[in-house]
Amino acid sequence: MSIRDWPAAERPREKLLERGAASLSDAELLAIFLRTGVAGCSAVELARRLLQEFGSLRALLEADLAAFSRHLGLGPAKFAQLQAVLEMARRHLAEQLRKDSALESPQAVRDYLKARLRHEPHEVFACLFLDSRHRVLAFEVLFHGSIDGASVYPRQVVKRALAHNAAALILTHNHPSGVAEPSQADRLLTQRLKDALALVDVRVLDHFIVGDGEPLSMAEHGWM
């Protein structure tokens, strides 16, 4: 049966317009993105099949072009559309974050960092540079590492902070393992960076570690 033959209240698009996007299942949201199914398979049925094949919506969203295109109903055109949607979401979060002080919007900081770093297959280290009122000046990924860690050089962090004329910054890195607990090396690195940046009057406000759940704030845990 085609989706057009379903009761209006059960069609994903009509359901979204009436009840909001949050009311839809992963399969229904994906079906709206797919728009059409394939022979003998509606868009919702295809979406369910894809979610089962990938294992989760997140795995589908984070798949590279080769893995994405191996599945029925998907290909380079759909991959390009999906990447555009994801980038628009990241830019929207960045705009939201720039409106207020980072310290007044801790959830906005978490949402943005999660969107930027959670999908990375290897460890990366980045900084959110802030002005004297703790408004966002820039976000930069400074170091890329292996699955086990990244080599971070304090001199480079100081150099970029001065280039942005930052008064403060927030450190962040991801744990591809999904576990957001800081290692002893993470704590030592945080202190080294705090000491180096203090020499040029730049404050380190926090260090967020991005894993599978909510990013962990080292400041909130008293580890700064």
Protein backbone atom coordinates (compact mmCIF):
# COMPACT_ATOMS: atom_id res chain seq x y z
CA MET A 1 0.00 0.00 0.00
CA SER A 2 1.32 3.46 -0.92
CA ILE A 3 1.70 6.07 1.83
CA ARG A 4 -0.86 8.14 -0.09
CA ASP A 5 -3.45 5.49 0.79
CA TRP A 6 -2.73 5.71 4.54
CA PRO A 7 -5.02 7.70 6.84
CA ALA A 8 -3.82 11.34 6.86
CA ALA A 9 -2.97 11.22 10.59
CA GLU A 10 -0.55 8.33 9.95
CA ARG A 11 1.36 9.86 7.04
CA PRO A 12 4.77 11.11 8.25
CA ARG A 13 4.59 14.52 6.55
CA GLU A 14 1.05 15.29 7.73
CA LYS A 15 1.86 13.95 11.19
CA LEU A 16 4.89 16.26 11.41
CA LEU A 17 2.85 19.29 10.36
CA GLU A 18 0.10 18.51 12.86
CA ARG A 19 2.08 17.29 15.88
CA GLY A 20 5.66 18.49 15.31
CA ALA A 21 8.84 16.70 14.27
CA ALA A 22 9.49 15.34 17.78
CA SER A 23 6.37 13.14 17.49
CA LEU A 24 7.86 11.12 14.63
CA SER A 25 9.85 7.93 14.93
CA ASP A 26 13.33 7.62 13.43
CA ALA A 27 11.86 5.69 10.50
CA GLU A 28 9.20 8.34 9.85
CA LEU A 29 11.75 11.16 9.90
CA LEU A 30 14.00 9.23 7.54
CA ALA A 31 11.04 8.52 5.26
CA ILE A 32 10.39 12.25 4.87
CA PHE A 33 14.03 12.71 3.90
CA LEU A 34 13.89 9.80 1.41
CA ARG A 35 10.59 11.13 -0.04
CA THR A 36 9.94 7.97 -2.06
CA GLY A 37 10.39 4.27 -1.60
CA VAL A 38 11.38 1.63 -4.14
CA ALA A 39 9.34 -0.91 -6.08
CA GLY A 40 7.13 -2.80 -3.65
CA CYS A 41 8.40 -0.84 -0.64
CA SER A 42 7.03 2.46 0.70
CA ALA A 43 9.33 5.20 1.97
CA VAL A 44 8.55 4.23 5.60
CA GLU A 45 9.21 0.54 4.92
CA LEU A 46 12.46 1.42 3.17
CA ALA A 47 13.44 3.65 6.09
CA ARG A 48 12.81 0.82 8.57
CA ARG A 49 14.88 -1.55 6.45
CA LEU A 50 17.76 0.96 6.26
CA LEU A 51 17.73 1.57 10.01
CA GLN A 52 17.90 -2.18 10.58
CA GLU A 53 20.77 -2.57 8.10
CA PHE A 54 22.79 0.32 9.54
CA GLY A 55 21.92 -0.54 13.14
CA SER A 56 20.78 2.96 14.14
CA LEU A 57 19.89 6.38 12.78
CA ARG A 58 23.20 7.74 14.04
CA ALA A 59 25.16 5.08 12.14
CA LEU A 60 23.31 5.99 8.95
CA LEU A 61 23.92 9.72 9.44
CA GLU A 62 27.64 9.16 10.09
CA ALA A 63 28.28 6.70 7.24
CA ASP A 64 30.76 7.71 4.56
CA LEU A 65 29.78 7.88 0.89
CA ALA A 66 30.92 4.35 0.08
CA ALA A 67 29.04 2.72 2.97
CA PHE A 68 25.98 4.91 2.43
CA SER A 69 25.70 4.17 -1.27
CA ARG A 70 25.84 0.39 -0.84
CA HIS A 71 22.24 0.36 0.37
CA LEU A 72 19.04 0.17 -1.66
CA GLY A 73 17.46 3.56 -2.28
CA LEU A 74 20.60 5.52 -1.40
CA GLY A 75 23.36 6.99 -3.54
CA PRO A 76 25.58 10.04 -4.07
CA ALA A 77 22.63 12.43 -4.58
CA LYS A 78 20.97 11.40 -1.30
CA PHE A 79 24.36 11.49 0.44
CA ALA A 80 24.92 15.07 -0.75
CA GLN A 81 21.45 16.09 0.46
CA LEU A 82 22.05 14.50 3.85
CA GLN A 83 25.41 16.22 4.30
CA ALA A 84 23.79 19.55 3.43
CA VAL A 85 21.07 18.95 6.06
CA LEU A 86 23.64 18.03 8.72
CA GLU A 87 25.78 21.09 7.93
CA MET A 88 22.73 23.38 8.13
CA ALA A 89 21.97 21.91 11.56
CA ARG A 90 25.54 22.57 12.73
CA ARG A 91 25.43 26.14 11.44
CA HIS A 92 22.09 26.71 13.13
CA LEU A 93 23.55 25.56 16.44
CA ALA A 94 26.55 27.84 15.91
CA GLU A 95 24.28 30.84 15.32
CA GLN A 96 22.30 30.03 18.45
CA LEU A 97 25.52 29.85 20.44
CA ARG A 98 26.77 33.21 19.18
CA LYS A 99 23.68 35.04 20.43
CA ASP A 100 24.50 34.77 24.13
CA SER A 101 27.39 34.33 26.51
CA ALA A 102 28.69 30.78 26.38
CA LEU A 103 28.48 30.59 30.17
CA GLU A 104 24.81 31.58 30.09
CA SER A 105 24.00 28.87 27.54
CA PRO A 106 25.74 25.69 28.75
CA GLN A 107 23.28 23.43 26.90
CA ALA A 108 23.86 25.35 23.67
CA VAL A 109 27.60 24.76 24.10
CA ARG A 110 27.03 21.05 24.68
CA ASP A 111 24.68 20.72 21.69
CA TYR A 112 27.13 22.50 19.39
CA LEU A 113 30.18 20.52 20.48
CA LYS A 114 28.26 17.26 20.21
CA ALA A 115 27.17 18.13 16.66
CA ARG A 116 30.71 19.06 15.67
CA LEU A 117 32.71 16.24 17.28
CA ARG A 118 30.63 13.19 18.11
CA HIS A 119 30.78 11.77 14.59
CA GLU A 120 34.58 11.98 14.30
CA PRO A 121 36.09 8.46 13.92
CA HIS A 122 39.43 9.59 15.39
CA GLU A 123 40.30 11.83 18.29
CA VAL A 124 40.38 15.55 17.57
CA PHE A 125 41.13 18.51 19.82
CA ALA A 126 39.42 21.87 19.35
CA CYS A 127 38.89 25.25 21.00
CA LEU A 128 35.93 27.56 21.32
CA PHE A 129 37.47 31.05 21.45
CA LEU A 130 35.55 33.69 23.45
CA ASP A 131 35.70 37.45 23.94
CA SER A 132 35.77 39.26 27.30
CA ARG A 133 31.99 38.80 27.65
CA HIS A 134 32.35 35.11 26.86
CA ARG A 135 30.65 35.43 23.48
CA VAL A 136 31.86 33.05 20.78
CA LEU A 137 34.52 34.40 18.41
CA ALA A 138 35.41 31.19 16.60
CA PHE A 139 35.58 27.42 16.79
CA GLU A 140 38.68 25.65 15.49
CA VAL A 141 39.82 22.05 15.35
CA LEU A 142 43.53 22.38 16.09
CA PHE A 143 44.82 18.83 16.29
CA HIS A 144 43.90 15.48 14.76
CA GLY A 145 45.00 12.21 16.30
CA SER A 146 44.61 8.49 16.08
CA ILE A 147 41.85 6.43 17.63
CA ASP A 148 43.85 6.53 20.87
CA GLY A 149 44.74 10.18 21.26
CA ALA A 150 45.96 13.45 19.79
CA SER A 151 49.22 15.32 20.26
CA VAL A 152 48.34 18.78 21.54
CA TYR A 153 50.93 21.57 21.56
CA PRO A 154 50.29 24.43 24.03
CA ARG A 155 52.27 26.88 21.89
CA GLN A 156 49.84 26.41 18.99
CA VAL A 157 46.81 26.88 21.26
CA VAL A 158 48.31 30.12 22.61
CA LYS A 159 49.09 31.28 19.08
CA ARG A 160 45.50 30.76 17.91
CA ALA A 161 44.07 32.42 21.04
CA LEU A 162 46.18 35.52 20.33
CA ALA A 163 45.21 35.46 16.65
CA HIS A 164 41.54 35.63 17.65
CA ASN A 165 42.24 38.21 20.38
CA ALA A 166 40.44 35.85 22.74
CA ALA A 167 39.99 36.67 26.41
CA ALA A 168 38.91 33.14 27.29
CA LEU A 169 38.34 29.78 25.69
CA ILE A 170 36.73 26.40 26.13
CA LEU A 171 38.78 23.31 25.34
CA THR A 172 37.15 20.24 23.88
CA HIS A 173 38.04 16.88 22.44
CA ASN A 174 36.18 13.70 21.58
CA HIS A 175 36.57 10.13 22.73
CA PRO A 176 35.74 7.86 19.76
CA SER A 177 35.23 5.00 22.24
CA GLY A 178 32.08 6.83 23.37
CA VAL A 179 33.20 6.99 27.02
CA ALA A 180 33.46 10.63 28.09
CA GLU A 181 35.41 10.13 31.32
CA PRO A 182 38.72 12.08 31.31
CA SER A 183 41.96 10.16 31.51
CA GLN A 184 44.86 11.24 33.70
CA ALA A 185 46.52 12.51 30.53
CA ASP A 186 43.44 14.66 29.82
CA ARG A 187 43.69 16.26 33.26
CA LEU A 188 47.42 16.90 32.96
CA LEU A 189 46.98 18.42 29.50
CA THR A 190 44.23 20.71 30.78
CA GLN A 191 46.51 22.03 33.51
CA ARG A 192 49.39 22.55 31.05
CA LEU A 193 47.15 24.55 28.76
CA LYS A 194 45.75 26.60 31.64
CA ASP A 195 49.26 27.48 32.75
CA ALA A 196 50.43 28.38 29.23
CA LEU A 197 47.39 30.51 28.45
CA ALA A 198 47.55 32.30 31.81
CA LEU A 199 50.88 33.77 30.70
CA VAL A 200 49.02 35.73 28.01
CA ASP A 201 45.96 36.49 30.20
CA VAL A 202 43.62 34.04 28.50
CA ARG A 203 41.34 32.08 30.85
CA VAL A 204 40.39 28.44 30.30
CA LEU A 205 36.76 28.20 31.37
CA ASP A 206 36.12 24.53 30.79
CA HIS A 207 37.20 21.38 29.00
CA PHE A 208 34.39 19.34 27.45
CA ILE A 209 34.86 15.70 26.49
CA VAL A 210 32.46 14.48 23.81
CA GLY A 211 31.39 10.85 23.88
CA ASP A 212 28.16 9.03 23.12
CA GLY A 213 25.96 10.83 25.65
CA GLU A 214 26.03 14.42 26.84
CA PRO A 215 29.48 16.05 26.68
CA LEU A 216 31.22 15.93 30.06
CA SER A 217 32.27 19.22 31.65
CA MET A 218 35.52 18.95 33.61
CA ALA A 219 34.72 22.26 35.35
CA GLU A 220 31.40 20.95 36.64
CA HIS A 221 33.20 17.95 38.12
CA GLY A 222 35.82 20.12 39.82
CA TRP A 223 38.65 18.81 37.64
CA MET A 224 39.86 22.18 36.31
